[in-house]
Amino acid sequence: MAKQPDITFYTTQTPNGIKIAIALEELGLPYKVHTIALSKGEQKEPWFLDINPNGRIPALTDSFPDGRSIRLFESGSILQYLVEQYDPDHKISYPRGSRETYEVNNWLFFQNAGVGPMQGQANHFARYAPEKIPYAISRYQNETKRLYGILDKHLAESKSEYLVGDRCTIADITHWGWVAGSGWAGIELSQFPALKAWMERMLARPGVERGRHVPSPHKVADTVVDNEQTKKDAAETRKWVLEGMKADAKH
């Protein structure tokens, strides 16, 4: 008998959060959503730290074949879990041990270790830091652009619609929310035409369209590099980001 999911997904509207929602939607899995109120510090409450000791989203719990519940945290780990447990038909993956699976892993870790951290810092220094530090903004925006350039070159030269082979995989899913949020990091995506075309192809997928709006409407893709609404949204987020940093510094 196939394993029956009992998934509870802990998330909020962030690039790392929506990648899991997109994967769940692409796989057609049932799941419950628990929205974590980052602005209220819910991610630091003891019950959530039992699920993710790092106090970050996304996280996920599920029933496991041994009859006990399993907790998953770190987005890359969750994506690998979902395809190993729930993608026997390889809708968003390739068969284990195949050349393509290792290539998928290359890009999965490229995003988790490169694009996410670098763009995350670009977001922080461009939008949330209490003072503008031009060196830091330039450093992280330029590094994000360098990584985008690698993706753009790969897509242009491979002439594939996706990062690996003939299908959308977790390699694509892990990147999409970050690339869609390039404007929030102060980066013009038009500089990377193959990557921009890929982002738009991904957006046309029903699973991406559904998943990106979990648990709330996904608006960052409409963000331009700099306008008054962007500045207002950043100012509202800056307050709780800085409060959270102060709280973390006490530990």
Protein backbone atom coordinates (compact mmCIF):
# COMPACT_ATOMS: atom_id res chain seq x y z
CA MET A 1 0.00 0.00 0.00
CA ALA A 2 1.33 3.43 -0.90
CA LYS A 3 2.33 5.68 1.94
CA GLN A 4 -0.46 8.08 2.88
CA PRO A 5 0.67 11.64 3.60
CA ASP A 6 -0.26 13.46 6.78
CA ILE A 7 1.64 16.64 6.02
CA THR A 8 1.52 19.83 8.04
CA PHE A 9 3.47 22.61 6.39
CA TYR A 10 4.78 25.49 8.52
CA THR A 11 5.50 28.52 6.44
CA THR A 12 5.04 32.16 5.56
CA GLN A 13 5.35 34.16 2.34
CA THR A 14 9.07 33.91 1.56
CA PRO A 15 11.11 32.43 -1.31
CA ASN A 16 12.09 29.46 0.85
CA GLY A 17 8.52 28.95 1.96
CA ILE A 18 6.87 28.98 -1.43
CA LYS A 19 9.32 26.49 -2.94
CA ILE A 20 7.86 23.81 -0.67
CA ALA A 21 4.29 24.83 -1.49
CA ILE A 22 5.10 24.68 -5.19
CA ALA A 23 6.56 21.17 -4.82
CA LEU A 24 3.49 20.02 -2.88
CA GLU A 25 1.21 21.43 -5.57
CA GLU A 26 3.25 19.97 -8.43
CA LEU A 27 3.02 16.55 -6.75
CA GLY A 28 -0.70 16.96 -6.05
CA LEU A 29 -0.28 16.14 -2.36
CA PRO A 30 -2.80 16.99 0.35
CA TYR A 31 -1.37 19.13 3.13
CA LYS A 32 -2.37 21.38 6.00
CA VAL A 33 -0.86 24.85 6.30
CA HIS A 34 0.18 26.50 9.56
CA THR A 35 1.15 30.10 8.90
CA ILE A 36 4.02 31.22 11.13
CA ALA A 37 3.80 34.85 12.25
CA LEU A 38 7.42 35.90 11.92
CA SER A 39 6.63 39.47 12.96
CA LYS A 40 5.36 38.12 16.32
CA GLY A 41 8.29 35.77 16.86
CA GLU A 42 6.22 32.60 16.59
CA GLN A 43 9.19 30.85 14.97
CA LYS A 44 11.05 31.13 18.28
CA GLU A 45 8.33 29.58 20.42
CA PRO A 46 9.27 26.27 22.10
CA TRP A 47 6.67 24.19 20.25
CA PHE A 48 8.08 25.30 16.89
CA LEU A 49 11.71 24.88 17.97
CA ASP A 50 10.81 21.24 18.64
CA ILE A 51 10.09 20.99 14.91
CA ASN A 52 12.92 23.20 13.68
CA PRO A 53 15.63 23.92 16.26
CA ASN A 54 16.93 26.69 13.99
CA GLY A 55 13.74 28.70 14.41
CA ARG A 56 13.22 29.32 10.70
CA ILE A 57 10.67 28.44 8.05
CA PRO A 58 9.87 26.30 6.16
CA ALA A 59 9.33 23.20 8.22
CA LEU A 60 7.14 20.17 7.71
CA THR A 61 5.85 17.22 9.68
CA ASP A 62 4.52 14.00 8.22
CA SER A 63 3.66 10.44 9.11
CA PHE A 64 6.55 8.04 8.46
CA PRO A 65 6.36 4.38 7.39
CA ASP A 66 7.53 3.31 10.86
CA GLY A 67 4.30 4.69 12.30
CA ARG A 68 5.87 7.71 13.97
CA SER A 69 5.85 11.35 12.96
CA ILE A 70 8.90 12.82 11.25
CA ARG A 71 10.02 16.44 11.27
CA LEU A 72 11.74 18.07 8.31
CA PHE A 73 13.51 21.39 8.21
CA GLU A 74 15.81 23.16 5.73
CA SER A 75 14.16 23.62 2.37
CA GLY A 76 16.58 21.45 0.41
CA SER A 77 16.08 18.57 2.82
CA ILE A 78 12.31 18.93 2.57
CA LEU A 79 12.40 18.92 -1.24
CA GLN A 80 14.53 15.77 -1.30
CA TYR A 81 12.18 14.11 1.18
CA LEU A 82 9.11 14.93 -0.90
CA VAL A 83 10.50 13.45 -4.11
CA GLU A 84 11.89 10.36 -2.36
CA GLN A 85 8.64 9.64 -0.55
CA TYR A 86 6.00 10.89 -2.98
CA ASP A 87 7.34 11.05 -6.53
CA PRO A 88 7.52 7.45 -7.80
CA ASP A 89 6.46 8.64 -11.25
CA HIS A 90 9.22 11.29 -11.32
CA LYS A 91 6.97 14.27 -11.94
CA ILE A 92 9.59 16.66 -10.54
CA SER A 93 12.59 14.34 -10.27
CA TYR A 94 14.54 11.63 -12.08
CA PRO A 95 15.16 8.02 -11.08
CA ARG A 96 17.54 7.56 -8.18
CA GLY A 97 21.12 7.00 -9.31
CA SER A 98 20.58 8.54 -12.74
CA ARG A 99 22.92 11.11 -14.22
CA GLU A 100 20.10 13.66 -14.13
CA THR A 101 19.48 13.17 -10.41
CA TYR A 102 23.06 14.14 -9.60
CA GLU A 103 22.74 17.15 -11.88
CA VAL A 104 19.55 18.15 -10.05
CA ASN A 105 21.48 17.93 -6.78
CA ASN A 106 24.17 20.22 -8.20
CA TRP A 107 21.64 22.99 -8.79
CA LEU A 108 19.72 22.28 -5.60
CA PHE A 109 22.84 22.89 -3.52
CA PHE A 110 23.87 25.79 -5.77
CA GLN A 111 20.71 27.58 -4.70
CA ASN A 112 20.80 26.57 -1.05
CA ALA A 113 24.47 27.46 -0.57
CA GLY A 114 24.77 30.30 -3.08
CA VAL A 115 21.76 32.10 -4.50
CA GLY A 116 19.68 32.04 -1.30
CA PRO A 117 22.34 33.26 1.14
CA MET A 118 23.79 35.88 -1.22
CA GLN A 119 20.43 37.26 -2.34
CA GLY A 120 19.20 37.13 1.23
CA GLN A 121 22.05 39.39 2.28
CA ALA A 122 21.38 41.66 -0.69
CA ASN A 123 17.78 41.92 0.52
CA HIS A 124 18.93 42.70 4.05
CA PHE A 125 21.42 45.43 3.26
CA ALA A 126 19.31 47.00 0.49
CA ARG A 127 16.00 46.94 2.39
CA TYR A 128 16.33 46.27 6.11
CA ALA A 129 19.66 47.50 7.45
CA PRO A 130 19.23 50.56 9.70
CA GLU A 131 21.96 52.36 7.77
CA LYS A 132 22.96 52.21 4.13
CA ILE A 133 26.34 50.56 3.68
CA PRO A 134 27.22 50.89 -0.02
CA TYR A 135 30.01 48.32 0.14
CA ALA A 136 27.69 45.64 1.61
CA ILE A 137 24.89 46.40 -0.85
CA SER A 138 27.28 46.26 -3.79
CA ARG A 139 29.02 43.13 -2.51
CA TYR A 140 25.86 41.03 -2.20
CA GLN A 141 24.03 42.41 -5.22
CA ASN A 142 27.08 41.76 -7.39
CA GLU A 143 27.50 38.24 -6.06
CA THR A 144 23.82 37.54 -6.71
CA LYS A 145 24.24 38.85 -10.24
CA ARG A 146 27.26 36.60 -10.71
CA LEU A 147 25.19 33.58 -9.69
CA TYR A 148 22.30 34.68 -11.89
CA GLY A 149 24.80 34.91 -14.73
CA ILE A 150 25.76 31.27 -14.22
CA LEU A 151 22.11 30.23 -14.35
CA ASP A 152 21.49 32.41 -17.40
CA LYS A 153 24.48 30.96 -19.27
CA HIS A 154 23.50 27.41 -18.40
CA LEU A 155 19.93 27.89 -19.62
CA ALA A 156 21.03 29.64 -22.81
CA GLU A 157 23.63 27.02 -23.71
CA SER A 158 21.59 23.95 -22.76
CA LYS A 159 18.63 25.15 -24.83
CA SER A 160 16.38 23.31 -22.39
CA GLU A 161 13.26 24.80 -20.89
CA TYR A 162 14.43 23.72 -17.44
CA LEU A 163 17.67 23.51 -15.50
CA VAL A 164 18.04 19.76 -15.91
CA GLY A 165 16.81 17.71 -18.83
CA ASP A 166 13.28 17.67 -20.14
CA ARG A 167 11.24 18.49 -17.06
CA CYS A 168 10.69 20.86 -14.17
CA THR A 169 12.43 19.43 -11.10
CA ILE A 170 13.24 20.52 -7.58
CA ALA A 171 16.29 22.23 -9.12
CA ASP A 172 13.91 24.68 -10.80
CA ILE A 173 11.48 24.85 -7.91
CA THR A 174 14.18 25.76 -5.39
CA HIS A 175 15.28 28.75 -7.49
CA TRP A 176 11.99 30.15 -8.68
CA GLY A 177 10.92 32.23 -5.68
CA TRP A 178 14.34 33.82 -5.39
CA VAL A 179 14.58 34.75 -9.06
CA ALA A 180 11.00 36.01 -9.03
CA GLY A 181 12.01 38.28 -6.13
CA SER A 182 15.02 39.78 -7.89
CA GLY A 183 13.51 43.27 -7.81
CA TRP A 184 13.34 43.18 -4.01
CA ALA A 185 17.11 42.63 -3.98
CA GLY A 186 17.57 45.59 -6.32
CA ILE A 187 18.43 43.50 -9.37
CA GLU A 188 17.05 44.01 -12.87
CA LEU A 189 16.19 40.56 -14.21
CA SER A 190 16.16 41.88 -17.78
CA GLN A 191 19.98 41.67 -17.65
CA PHE A 192 19.57 37.88 -17.79
CA PRO A 193 17.25 37.10 -20.73
CA ALA A 194 17.44 33.30 -20.61
CA LEU A 195 16.81 33.32 -16.85
CA LYS A 196 13.92 35.78 -17.23
CA ALA A 197 12.33 33.58 -19.91
CA TRP A 198 12.73 30.55 -17.62
CA MET A 199 11.10 32.41 -14.73
CA GLU A 200 8.11 33.25 -16.94
CA ARG A 201 7.82 29.65 -18.22
CA MET A 202 7.79 28.42 -14.65
CA LEU A 203 5.11 30.94 -13.73
CA ALA A 204 2.86 29.51 -16.46
CA ARG A 205 2.79 26.14 -14.65
CA PRO A 206 -0.43 25.67 -12.63
CA GLY A 207 1.49 24.15 -9.71
CA VAL A 208 3.76 27.17 -9.50
CA GLU A 209 0.82 29.55 -9.75
CA ARG A 210 -1.03 27.78 -6.93
CA GLY A 211 1.98 27.22 -4.72
CA ARG A 212 3.37 30.72 -4.87
CA HIS A 213 0.27 32.06 -3.14
CA VAL A 214 0.66 29.81 -0.07
CA PRO A 215 -0.01 30.92 2.61
CA SER A 216 -0.78 34.43 1.30
CA PRO A 217 -0.76 36.26 -2.03
CA HIS A 218 2.68 36.34 -3.64
CA LYS A 219 3.36 39.97 -4.56
CA VAL A 220 7.15 40.25 -4.61
CA ALA A 221 7.32 39.19 -8.27
CA ASP A 222 5.65 42.52 -9.07
CA THR A 223 8.24 44.49 -7.12
CA VAL A 224 10.30 46.90 -9.15
CA VAL A 225 13.83 47.72 -8.13
CA ASP A 226 12.87 50.97 -6.42
CA ASN A 227 9.54 52.69 -5.91
CA GLU A 228 7.55 54.20 -3.06
CA GLN A 229 5.51 51.06 -2.30
CA THR A 230 8.68 48.98 -2.14
CA LYS A 231 10.17 51.46 0.34
CA LYS A 232 7.01 51.37 2.45
CA ASP A 233 6.87 47.56 2.50
CA ALA A 234 10.55 47.38 3.41
CA ALA A 235 10.10 49.84 6.28
CA GLU A 236 7.30 47.74 7.77
CA THR A 237 9.36 44.55 7.58
CA ARG A 238 12.51 46.27 8.86
CA LYS A 239 10.94 46.80 12.28
CA TRP A 240 10.45 43.14 13.14
CA VAL A 241 13.62 42.02 11.36
CA LEU A 242 15.71 44.28 13.60
CA GLU A 243 13.76 43.28 16.70
CA GLY A 244 14.42 39.64 15.87
CA MET A 245 18.13 40.33 15.45
CA LYS A 246 18.25 41.92 18.89
CA ALA A 247 16.53 38.93 20.42
CA ASP A 248 18.91 36.50 18.67
CA ALA A 249 21.92 38.45 19.93
CA LYS A 250 20.93 37.68 23.54
CA HIS A 251 21.52 33.94 23.07
